[in-house]
Amino acid sequence: MKNIQKAQSDLVNDTCNDCGSFVDVGAIIDEHDTVLELELNGENCEQLASEVIEKAQQRFDGVTAQTQFEGQNAKVSLTFSFSAEKMIFQLENGL
């Protein structure tokens, strides 16, 4: 166990002998990571983009969105107020 602890990054605190690893949450979650970028494809990409934006804005206050359409491709950029909101939205919607 001591060799594992010596070899790991300072951002990781691997001290659990029974369950594997414990990682400092701050090493995974960046408080400034509030932008979710999605690429949607297909004939109905505009409708899908609208649905995703509507879901995000209904779920969280202050979500802003930008979209770019090119043929059957859409790029959606959702900006959340907090990184936790972005993560929750991704988990709830399988993104």
PDB file of N, CA and C in Angstrom:
ATOM      1  N   MET A   1       0.822  -1.186   0.000  1.00  0.00           N
ATOM      2  CA  MET A   1       0.000   0.000   0.000  1.00  0.00           C
ATOM      3  C   MET A   1       0.867   1.251   0.000  1.00  0.00           C
ATOM      4  N   LYS A   2       1.957   1.228   0.718  1.00  0.00           N
ATOM      5  CA  LYS A   2       2.822   2.402   0.784  1.00  0.00           C
ATOM      6  C   LYS A   2       3.425   2.726  -0.576  1.00  0.00           C
ATOM      7  N   ASN A   3       3.756   1.697  -1.363  1.00  0.00           N
ATOM      8  CA  ASN A   3       4.298   1.938  -2.702  1.00  0.00           C
ATOM      9  C   ASN A   3       3.269   2.593  -3.600  1.00  0.00           C
ATOM     10  N   ILE A   4       2.012   2.193  -3.471  1.00  0.00           N
ATOM     11  CA  ILE A   4       0.943   2.802  -4.263  1.00  0.00           C
ATOM     12  C   ILE A   4       0.816   4.269  -3.893  1.00  0.00           C
ATOM     13  N   GLN A   5       0.832   4.577  -2.612  1.00  0.00           N
ATOM     14  CA  GLN A   5       0.690   5.953  -2.163  1.00  0.00           C
ATOM     15  C   GLN A   5       1.866   6.813  -2.629  1.00  0.00           C
ATOM     16  N   LYS A   6       3.061   6.265  -2.649  1.00  0.00           N
ATOM     17  CA  LYS A   6       4.232   7.016  -3.108  1.00  0.00           C
ATOM     18  C   LYS A   6       4.168   7.303  -4.606  1.00  0.00           C
ATOM     19  N   ALA A   7       3.599   6.375  -5.376  1.00  0.00           N
ATOM     20  CA  ALA A   7       3.569   6.510  -6.834  1.00  0.00           C
ATOM     21  C   ALA A   7       2.429   7.388  -7.343  1.00  0.00           C
ATOM     22  N   GLN A   8       1.457   7.654  -6.506  1.00  0.00           N
ATOM     23  CA  GLN A   8       0.284   8.402  -6.971  1.00  0.00           C
ATOM     24  C   GLN A   8       0.519   9.905  -6.955  1.00  0.00           C
ATOM     25  N   SER A   9      -0.304  10.589  -7.686  1.00  0.00           N
ATOM     26  CA  SER A   9      -0.274  12.051  -7.750  1.00  0.00           C
ATOM     27  C   SER A   9      -0.633  12.637  -6.397  1.00  0.00           C
ATOM     28  N   ASP A  10      -0.205  13.859  -6.147  1.00  0.00           N
ATOM     29  CA  ASP A  10      -0.566  14.553  -4.916  1.00  0.00           C
ATOM     30  C   ASP A  10      -2.062  14.844  -4.847  1.00  0.00           C
ATOM     31  N   LEU A  11      -2.733  14.817  -5.993  1.00  0.00           N
ATOM     32  CA  LEU A  11      -4.165  15.098  -6.034  1.00  0.00           C
ATOM     33  C   LEU A  11      -5.010  13.888  -5.639  1.00  0.00           C
ATOM     34  N   VAL A  12      -4.378  12.719  -5.524  1.00  0.00           N
ATOM     35  CA  VAL A  12      -5.105  11.494  -5.217  1.00  0.00           C
ATOM     36  C   VAL A  12      -4.699  11.015  -3.835  1.00  0.00           C
ATOM     37  N   ASN A  13      -5.694  10.632  -3.045  1.00  0.00           N
ATOM     38  CA  ASN A  13      -5.447  10.103  -1.719  1.00  0.00           C
ATOM     39  C   ASN A  13      -5.984   8.687  -1.677  1.00  0.00           C
ATOM     40  N   ASP A  14      -5.182   7.718  -2.054  1.00  0.00           N
ATOM     41  CA  ASP A  14      -5.585   6.318  -2.130  1.00  0.00           C
ATOM     42  C   ASP A  14      -5.240   5.647  -0.808  1.00  0.00           C
ATOM     43  N   THR A  15      -6.200   5.623   0.112  1.00  0.00           N
ATOM     44  CA  THR A  15      -5.923   5.094   1.438  1.00  0.00           C
ATOM     45  C   THR A  15      -6.852   3.968   1.852  1.00  0.00           C
ATOM     46  N   CYS A  16      -7.746   3.563   0.993  1.00  0.00           N
ATOM     47  CA  CYS A  16      -8.720   2.535   1.348  1.00  0.00           C
ATOM     48  C   CYS A  16      -8.161   1.161   1.025  1.00  0.00           C
ATOM     49  N   ASN A  17      -7.935   0.343   2.055  1.00  0.00           N
ATOM     50  CA  ASN A  17      -7.402  -1.003   1.861  1.00  0.00           C
ATOM     51  C   ASN A  17      -8.473  -1.984   1.401  1.00  0.00           C
ATOM     52  N   ASP A  18      -9.733  -1.695   1.703  1.00  0.00           N
ATOM     53  CA  ASP A  18     -10.809  -2.645   1.424  1.00  0.00           C
ATOM     54  C   ASP A  18     -11.485  -2.431   0.084  1.00  0.00           C
ATOM     55  N   CYS A  19     -11.742  -1.169  -0.281  1.00  0.00           N
ATOM     56  CA  CYS A  19     -12.601  -0.933  -1.434  1.00  0.00           C
ATOM     57  C   CYS A  19     -11.851  -0.431  -2.659  1.00  0.00           C
ATOM     58  N   GLY A  20     -10.582  -0.208  -2.600  1.00  0.00           N
ATOM     59  CA  GLY A  20      -9.850   0.240  -3.786  1.00  0.00           C
ATOM     60  C   GLY A  20      -9.291   1.619  -3.617  1.00  0.00           C
ATOM     61  N   SER A  21      -9.943   2.601  -4.199  1.00  0.00           N
ATOM     62  CA  SER A  21      -9.382   3.944  -4.200  1.00  0.00           C
ATOM     63  C   SER A  21     -10.350   4.967  -3.636  1.00  0.00           C
ATOM     64  N   PHE A  22      -9.779   5.950  -3.044  1.00  0.00           N
ATOM     65  CA  PHE A  22     -10.507   7.146  -2.639  1.00  0.00           C
ATOM     66  C   PHE A  22      -9.833   8.288  -3.369  1.00  0.00           C
ATOM     67  N   VAL A  23     -10.578   9.056  -4.119  1.00  0.00           N
ATOM     68  CA  VAL A  23     -10.006  10.146  -4.890  1.00  0.00           C
ATOM     69  C   VAL A  23     -10.553  11.446  -4.344  1.00  0.00           C
ATOM     70  N   ASP A  24      -9.697  12.403  -4.133  1.00  0.00           N
ATOM     71  CA  ASP A  24     -10.123  13.721  -3.694  1.00  0.00           C
ATOM     72  C   ASP A  24     -11.045  14.305  -4.751  1.00  0.00           C
ATOM     73  N   VAL A  25     -12.255  14.673  -4.365  1.00  0.00           N
ATOM     74  CA  VAL A  25     -13.251  15.158  -5.321  1.00  0.00           C
ATOM     75  C   VAL A  25     -12.731  16.372  -6.083  1.00  0.00           C
ATOM     76  N   GLY A  26     -11.949  17.208  -5.451  1.00  0.00           N
ATOM     77  CA  GLY A  26     -11.402  18.383  -6.113  1.00  0.00           C
ATOM     78  C   GLY A  26     -10.470  18.038  -7.261  1.00  0.00           C
ATOM     79  N   ALA A  27      -9.964  16.815  -7.285  1.00  0.00           N
ATOM     80  CA  ALA A  27      -9.091  16.393  -8.383  1.00  0.00           C
ATOM     81  C   ALA A  27      -9.898  16.023  -9.616  1.00  0.00           C
ATOM     82  N   ILE A  28     -11.184  15.750  -9.432  1.00  0.00           N
ATOM     83  CA  ILE A  28     -12.031  15.330 -10.536  1.00  0.00           C
ATOM     84  C   ILE A  28     -12.924  16.466 -11.012  1.00  0.00           C
ATOM     85  N   ILE A  29     -13.491  17.207 -10.085  1.00  0.00           N
ATOM     86  CA  ILE A  29     -14.449  18.253 -10.417  1.00  0.00           C
ATOM     87  C   ILE A  29     -13.749  19.605 -10.429  1.00  0.00           C
ATOM     88  N   ASP A  30     -13.785  20.250 -11.564  1.00  0.00           N
ATOM     89  CA  ASP A  30     -13.235  21.594 -11.684  1.00  0.00           C
ATOM     90  C   ASP A  30     -14.387  22.574 -11.553  1.00  0.00           C
ATOM     91  N   GLU A  31     -14.306  23.481 -10.590  1.00  0.00           N
ATOM     92  CA  GLU A  31     -15.407  24.406 -10.335  1.00  0.00           C
ATOM     93  C   GLU A  31     -15.723  25.302 -11.525  1.00  0.00           C
ATOM     94  N   HIS A  32     -14.800  25.431 -12.452  1.00  0.00           N
ATOM     95  CA  HIS A  32     -15.008  26.286 -13.621  1.00  0.00           C
ATOM     96  C   HIS A  32     -15.501  25.504 -14.846  1.00  0.00           C
ATOM     97  N   ASP A  33     -15.706  24.197 -14.688  1.00  0.00           N
ATOM     98  CA  ASP A  33     -16.159  23.348 -15.791  1.00  0.00           C
ATOM     99  C   ASP A  33     -17.683  23.395 -15.860  1.00  0.00           C
ATOM    100  N   THR A  34     -18.204  24.473 -16.431  1.00  0.00           N
ATOM    101  CA  THR A  34     -19.646  24.689 -16.452  1.00  0.00           C
ATOM    102  C   THR A  34     -20.246  24.608 -17.853  1.00  0.00           C
ATOM    103  N   VAL A  35     -19.443  24.362 -18.866  1.00  0.00           N
ATOM    104  CA  VAL A  35     -19.935  24.357 -20.250  1.00  0.00           C
ATOM    105  C   VAL A  35     -20.007  22.921 -20.763  1.00  0.00           C
ATOM    106  N   LEU A  36     -21.191  22.549 -21.220  1.00  0.00           N
ATOM    107  CA  LEU A  36     -21.414  21.241 -21.823  1.00  0.00           C
ATOM    108  C   LEU A  36     -21.587  21.444 -23.321  1.00  0.00           C
ATOM    109  N   GLU A  37     -20.738  20.788 -24.110  1.00  0.00           N
ATOM    110  CA  GLU A  37     -20.822  20.905 -25.557  1.00  0.00           C
ATOM    111  C   GLU A  37     -21.271  19.575 -26.138  1.00  0.00           C
ATOM    112  N   LEU A  38     -22.319  19.647 -26.950  1.00  0.00           N
ATOM    113  CA  LEU A  38     -22.892  18.453 -27.565  1.00  0.00           C
ATOM    114  C   LEU A  38     -22.907  18.601 -29.071  1.00  0.00           C
ATOM    115  N   GLU A  39     -22.709  17.485 -29.765  1.00  0.00           N
ATOM    116  CA  GLU A  39     -22.858  17.452 -31.215  1.00  0.00           C
ATOM    117  C   GLU A  39     -23.996  16.493 -31.525  1.00  0.00           C
ATOM    118  N   LEU A  40     -24.988  16.996 -32.240  1.00  0.00           N
ATOM    119  CA  LEU A  40     -26.157  16.201 -32.603  1.00  0.00           C
ATOM    120  C   LEU A  40     -26.194  16.053 -34.110  1.00  0.00           C
ATOM    121  N   ASN A  41     -26.571  14.870 -34.576  1.00  0.00           N
ATOM    122  CA  ASN A  41     -26.583  14.596 -36.011  1.00  0.00           C
ATOM    123  C   ASN A  41     -27.921  14.000 -36.426  1.00  0.00           C
ATOM    124  N   GLY A  42     -28.281  14.239 -37.645  1.00  0.00           N
ATOM    125  CA  GLY A  42     -29.490  13.644 -38.200  1.00  0.00           C
ATOM    126  C   GLY A  42     -30.464  14.694 -38.694  1.00  0.00           C
ATOM    127  N   GLU A  43     -31.494  14.204 -39.378  1.00  0.00           N
ATOM    128  CA  GLU A  43     -32.489  15.100 -39.956  1.00  0.00           C
ATOM    129  C   GLU A  43     -33.207  15.938 -38.907  1.00  0.00           C
ATOM    130  N   ASN A  44     -33.357  15.389 -37.707  1.00  0.00           N
ATOM    131  CA  ASN A  44     -34.081  16.084 -36.647  1.00  0.00           C
ATOM    132  C   ASN A  44     -33.156  16.742 -35.625  1.00  0.00           C
ATOM    133  N   CYS A  45     -31.944  17.095 -36.035  1.00  0.00           N
ATOM    134  CA  CYS A  45     -30.967  17.655 -35.088  1.00  0.00           C
ATOM    135  C   CYS A  45     -31.446  18.979 -34.491  1.00  0.00           C
ATOM    136  N   GLU A  46     -32.181  19.780 -35.250  1.00  0.00           N
ATOM    137  CA  GLU A  46     -32.677  21.049 -34.711  1.00  0.00           C
ATOM    138  C   GLU A  46     -33.696  20.800 -33.606  1.00  0.00           C
ATOM    139  N   GLN A  47     -34.567  19.841 -33.811  1.00  0.00           N
ATOM    140  CA  GLN A  47     -35.558  19.487 -32.794  1.00  0.00           C
ATOM    141  C   GLN A  47     -34.871  18.931 -31.554  1.00  0.00           C
ATOM    142  N   LEU A  48     -33.890  18.040 -31.746  1.00  0.00           N
ATOM    143  CA  LEU A  48     -33.151  17.473 -30.618  1.00  0.00           C
ATOM    144  C   LEU A  48     -32.436  18.566 -29.827  1.00  0.00           C
ATOM    145  N   ALA A  49     -31.841  19.514 -30.541  1.00  0.00           N
ATOM    146  CA  ALA A  49     -31.140  20.618 -29.881  1.00  0.00           C
ATOM    147  C   ALA A  49     -32.117  21.428 -29.031  1.00  0.00           C
ATOM    148  N   SER A  50     -33.273  21.718 -29.582  1.00  0.00           N
ATOM    149  CA  SER A  50     -34.290  22.468 -28.840  1.00  0.00           C
ATOM    150  C   SER A  50     -34.739  21.718 -27.594  1.00  0.00           C
ATOM    151  N   GLU A  51     -34.904  20.403 -27.720  1.00  0.00           N
ATOM    152  CA  GLU A  51     -35.341  19.584 -26.586  1.00  0.00           C
ATOM    153  C   GLU A  51     -34.289  19.565 -25.470  1.00  0.00           C
ATOM    154  N   VAL A  52     -33.029  19.427 -25.849  1.00  0.00           N
ATOM    155  CA  VAL A  52     -31.953  19.401 -24.854  1.00  0.00           C
ATOM    156  C   VAL A  52     -31.866  20.746 -24.133  1.00  0.00           C
ATOM    157  N   ILE A  53     -31.950  21.817 -24.886  1.00  0.00           N
ATOM    158  CA  ILE A  53     -31.886  23.157 -24.291  1.00  0.00           C
ATOM    159  C   ILE A  53     -33.062  23.370 -23.340  1.00  0.00           C
ATOM    160  N   GLU A  54     -34.240  22.971 -23.774  1.00  0.00           N
ATOM    161  CA  GLU A  54     -35.438  23.139 -22.941  1.00  0.00           C
ATOM    162  C   GLU A  54     -35.326  22.340 -21.641  1.00  0.00           C
ATOM    163  N   LYS A  55     -34.833  21.100 -21.738  1.00  0.00           N
ATOM    164  CA  LYS A  55     -34.643  20.268 -20.542  1.00  0.00           C
ATOM    165  C   LYS A  55     -33.694  20.946 -19.554  1.00  0.00           C
ATOM    166  N   ALA A  56     -32.581  21.440 -20.074  1.00  0.00           N
ATOM    167  CA  ALA A  56     -31.579  22.066 -19.202  1.00  0.00           C
ATOM    168  C   ALA A  56     -32.140  23.316 -18.545  1.00  0.00           C
ATOM    169  N   GLN A  57     -32.839  24.129 -19.309  1.00  0.00           N
ATOM    170  CA  GLN A  57     -33.365  25.378 -18.771  1.00  0.00           C
ATOM    171  C   GLN A  57     -34.527  25.147 -17.813  1.00  0.00           C
ATOM    172  N   GLN A  58     -35.280  24.073 -18.000  1.00  0.00           N
ATOM    173  CA  GLN A  58     -36.341  23.740 -17.058  1.00  0.00           C
ATOM    174  C   GLN A  58     -35.768  23.181 -15.758  1.00  0.00           C
ATOM    175  N   ARG A  59     -34.676  22.450 -15.864  1.00  0.00           N
ATOM    176  CA  ARG A  59     -34.081  21.793 -14.692  1.00  0.00           C
ATOM    177  C   ARG A  59     -33.295  22.772 -13.817  1.00  0.00           C
ATOM    178  N   PHE A  60     -32.580  23.709 -14.453  1.00  0.00           N
ATOM    179  CA  PHE A  60     -31.711  24.631 -13.708  1.00  0.00           C
ATOM    180  C   PHE A  60     -31.939  26.071 -14.152  1.00  0.00           C
ATOM    181  N   ASP A  61     -31.990  26.959 -13.187  1.00  0.00           N
ATOM    182  CA  ASP A  61     -32.107  28.389 -13.485  1.00  0.00           C
ATOM    183  C   ASP A  61     -30.789  28.909 -14.037  1.00  0.00           C
ATOM    184  N   GLY A  62     -30.867  29.846 -14.939  1.00  0.00           N
ATOM    185  CA  GLY A  62     -29.674  30.529 -15.423  1.00  0.00           C
ATOM    186  C   GLY A  62     -28.879  29.807 -16.487  1.00  0.00           C
ATOM    187  N   VAL A  63     -29.394  28.714 -17.024  1.00  0.00           N
ATOM    188  CA  VAL A  63     -28.690  28.008 -18.097  1.00  0.00           C
ATOM    189  C   VAL A  63     -28.824  28.819 -19.385  1.00  0.00           C
ATOM    190  N   THR A  64     -27.683  29.070 -20.025  1.00  0.00           N
ATOM    191  CA  THR A  64     -27.704  29.748 -21.318  1.00  0.00           C
ATOM    192  C   THR A  64     -27.263  28.763 -22.392  1.00  0.00           C
ATOM    193  N   ALA A  65     -27.727  29.007 -23.613  1.00  0.00           N
ATOM    194  CA  ALA A  65     -27.433  28.066 -24.696  1.00  0.00           C
ATOM    195  C   ALA A  65     -27.048  28.808 -25.962  1.00  0.00           C
ATOM    196  N   GLN A  66     -26.150  28.192 -26.701  1.00  0.00           N
ATOM    197  CA  GLN A  66     -25.775  28.656 -28.031  1.00  0.00           C
ATOM    198  C   GLN A  66     -25.840  27.457 -28.962  1.00  0.00           C
ATOM    199  N   THR A  67     -26.324  27.686 -30.169  1.00  0.00           N
ATOM    200  CA  THR A  67     -26.406  26.596 -31.140  1.00  0.00           C
ATOM    201  C   THR A  67     -25.835  27.029 -32.476  1.00  0.00           C
ATOM    202  N   GLN A  68     -25.297  26.067 -33.185  1.00  0.00           N
ATOM    203  CA  GLN A  68     -24.821  26.267 -34.556  1.00  0.00           C
ATOM    204  C   GLN A  68     -25.357  25.106 -35.372  1.00  0.00           C
ATOM    205  N   PHE A  69     -25.979  25.422 -36.486  1.00  0.00           N
ATOM    206  CA  PHE A  69     -26.527  24.393 -37.362  1.00  0.00           C
ATOM    207  C   PHE A  69     -25.808  24.428 -38.702  1.00  0.00           C
ATOM    208  N   GLU A  70     -25.482  23.239 -39.180  1.00  0.00           N
ATOM    209  CA  GLU A  70     -24.853  23.107 -40.491  1.00  0.00           C
ATOM    210  C   GLU A  70     -25.363  21.811 -41.111  1.00  0.00           C
ATOM    211  N   GLY A  71     -26.312  21.961 -42.003  1.00  0.00           N
ATOM    212  CA  GLY A  71     -26.902  20.777 -42.622  1.00  0.00           C
ATOM    213  C   GLY A  71     -27.624  19.929 -41.593  1.00  0.00           C
ATOM    214  N   GLN A  72     -27.221  18.668 -41.499  1.00  0.00           N
ATOM    215  CA  GLN A  72     -27.831  17.748 -40.538  1.00  0.00           C
ATOM    216  C   GLN A  72     -26.991  17.607 -39.273  1.00  0.00           C
ATOM    217  N   ASN A  73     -26.228  18.628 -38.953  1.00  0.00           N
ATOM    218  CA  ASN A  73     -25.393  18.634 -37.749  1.00  0.00           C
ATOM    219  C   ASN A  73     -25.706  19.861 -36.914  1.00  0.00           C
ATOM    220  N   ALA A  74     -25.722  19.664 -35.610  1.00  0.00           N
ATOM    221  CA  ALA A  74     -25.953  20.772 -34.685  1.00  0.00           C
ATOM    222  C   ALA A  74     -24.918  20.708 -33.580  1.00  0.00           C
ATOM    223  N   LYS A  75     -24.402  21.858 -33.219  1.00  0.00           N
ATOM    224  CA  LYS A  75     -23.518  21.974 -32.066  1.00  0.00           C
ATOM    225  C   LYS A  75     -24.253  22.809 -31.036  1.00  0.00           C
ATOM    226  N   VAL A  76     -24.393  22.249 -29.845  1.00  0.00           N
ATOM    227  CA  VAL A  76     -25.093  22.921 -28.755  1.00  0.00           C
ATOM    228  C   VAL A  76     -24.102  23.139 -27.628  1.00  0.00           C
ATOM    229  N   SER A  77     -24.076  24.346 -27.123  1.00  0.00           N
ATOM    230  CA  SER A  77     -23.221  24.693 -26.000  1.00  0.00           C
ATOM    231  C   SER A  77     -24.108  25.208 -24.874  1.00  0.00           C
ATOM    232  N   LEU A  78     -24.164  24.449 -23.777  1.00  0.00           N
ATOM    233  CA  LEU A  78     -24.960  24.820 -22.618  1.00  0.00           C
ATOM    234  C   LEU A  78     -24.030  25.300 -21.511  1.00  0.00           C
ATOM    235  N   THR A  79     -24.311  26.468 -20.969  1.00  0.00           N
ATOM    236  CA  THR A  79     -23.504  27.003 -19.876  1.00  0.00           C
ATOM    237  C   THR A  79     -24.345  27.005 -18.610  1.00  0.00           C
ATOM    238  N   PHE A  80     -23.878  26.265 -17.617  1.00  0.00           N
ATOM    239  CA  PHE A  80     -24.554  26.144 -16.331  1.00  0.00           C
ATOM    240  C   PHE A  80     -23.932  27.110 -15.329  1.00  0.00           C
ATOM    241  N   SER A  81     -24.649  27.396 -14.271  1.00  0.00           N
ATOM    242  CA  SER A  81     -24.126  28.292 -13.237  1.00  0.00           C
ATOM    243  C   SER A  81     -23.033  27.618 -12.409  1.00  0.00           C
ATOM    244  N   PHE A  82     -23.145  26.306 -12.240  1.00  0.00           N
ATOM    245  CA  PHE A  82     -22.204  25.557 -11.406  1.00  0.00           C
ATOM    246  C   PHE A  82     -21.831  24.245 -12.089  1.00  0.00           C
ATOM    247  N   SER A  83     -20.620  23.774 -11.835  1.00  0.00           N
ATOM    248  CA  SER A  83     -20.176  22.521 -12.447  1.00  0.00           C
ATOM    249  C   SER A  83     -21.028  21.349 -11.975  1.00  0.00           C
ATOM    250  N   ALA A  84     -21.527  21.398 -10.745  1.00  0.00           N
ATOM    251  CA  ALA A  84     -22.376  20.325 -10.242  1.00  0.00           C
ATOM    252  C   ALA A  84     -23.661  20.219 -11.059  1.00  0.00           C
ATOM    253  N   GLU A  85     -24.218  21.350 -11.476  1.00  0.00           N
ATOM    254  CA  GLU A  85     -25.418  21.325 -12.309  1.00  0.00           C
ATOM    255  C   GLU A  85     -25.138  20.632 -13.635  1.00  0.00           C
ATOM    256  N   LYS A  86     -23.990  20.940 -14.211  1.00  0.00           N
ATOM    257  CA  LYS A  86     -23.612  20.301 -15.478  1.00  0.00           C
ATOM    258  C   LYS A  86     -23.510  18.790 -15.302  1.00  0.00           C
ATOM    259  N   MET A  87     -22.865  18.350 -14.240  1.00  0.00           N
ATOM    260  CA  MET A  87     -22.689  16.925 -13.992  1.00  0.00           C
ATOM    261  C   MET A  87     -24.023  16.235 -13.739  1.00  0.00           C
ATOM    262  N   ILE A  88     -24.887  16.869 -12.959  1.00  0.00           N
ATOM    263  CA  ILE A  88     -26.197  16.296 -12.678  1.00  0.00           C
ATOM    264  C   ILE A  88     -26.993  16.152 -13.966  1.00  0.00           C
ATOM    265  N   PHE A  89     -26.970  17.183 -14.801  1.00  0.00           N
ATOM    266  CA  PHE A  89     -27.699  17.132 -16.069  1.00  0.00           C
ATOM    267  C   PHE A  89     -27.170  16.009 -16.958  1.00  0.00           C
ATOM    268  N   GLN A  90     -25.862  15.859 -17.019  1.00  0.00           N
ATOM    269  CA  GLN A  90     -25.268  14.797 -17.824  1.00  0.00           C
ATOM    270  C   GLN A  90     -25.702  13.421 -17.310  1.00  0.00           C
ATOM    271  N   LEU A  91     -25.674  13.229 -16.004  1.00  0.00           N
ATOM    272  CA  LEU A  91     -26.056  11.939 -15.421  1.00  0.00           C
ATOM    273  C   LEU A  91     -27.542  11.646 -15.638  1.00  0.00           C
ATOM    274  N   GLU A  92     -28.382  12.645 -15.427  1.00  0.00           N
ATOM    275  CA  GLU A  92     -29.820  12.452 -15.585  1.00  0.00           C
ATOM    276  C   GLU A  92     -30.218  12.128 -17.017  1.00  0.00           C
ATOM    277  N   ASN A  93     -29.436  12.618 -17.980  1.00  0.00           N
ATOM    278  CA  ASN A  93     -29.786  12.460 -19.389  1.00  0.00           C
ATOM    279  C   ASN A  93     -28.871  11.513 -20.148  1.00  0.00           C
ATOM    280  N   GLY A  94     -27.997  10.817 -19.447  1.00  0.00           N
ATOM    281  CA  GLY A  94     -27.108   9.843 -20.080  1.00  0.00           C
ATOM    282  C   GLY A  94     -26.169  10.431 -21.100  1.00  0.00           C
ATOM    283  N   LEU A  95     -25.650  11.613 -20.804  1.00  0.00           N
ATOM    284  CA  LEU A  95     -24.748  12.296 -21.750  1.00  0.00           C
ATOM    285  C   LEU A  95     -23.298  12.103 -21.370  1.00  0.00           C
TER     286      LEU A  95
END
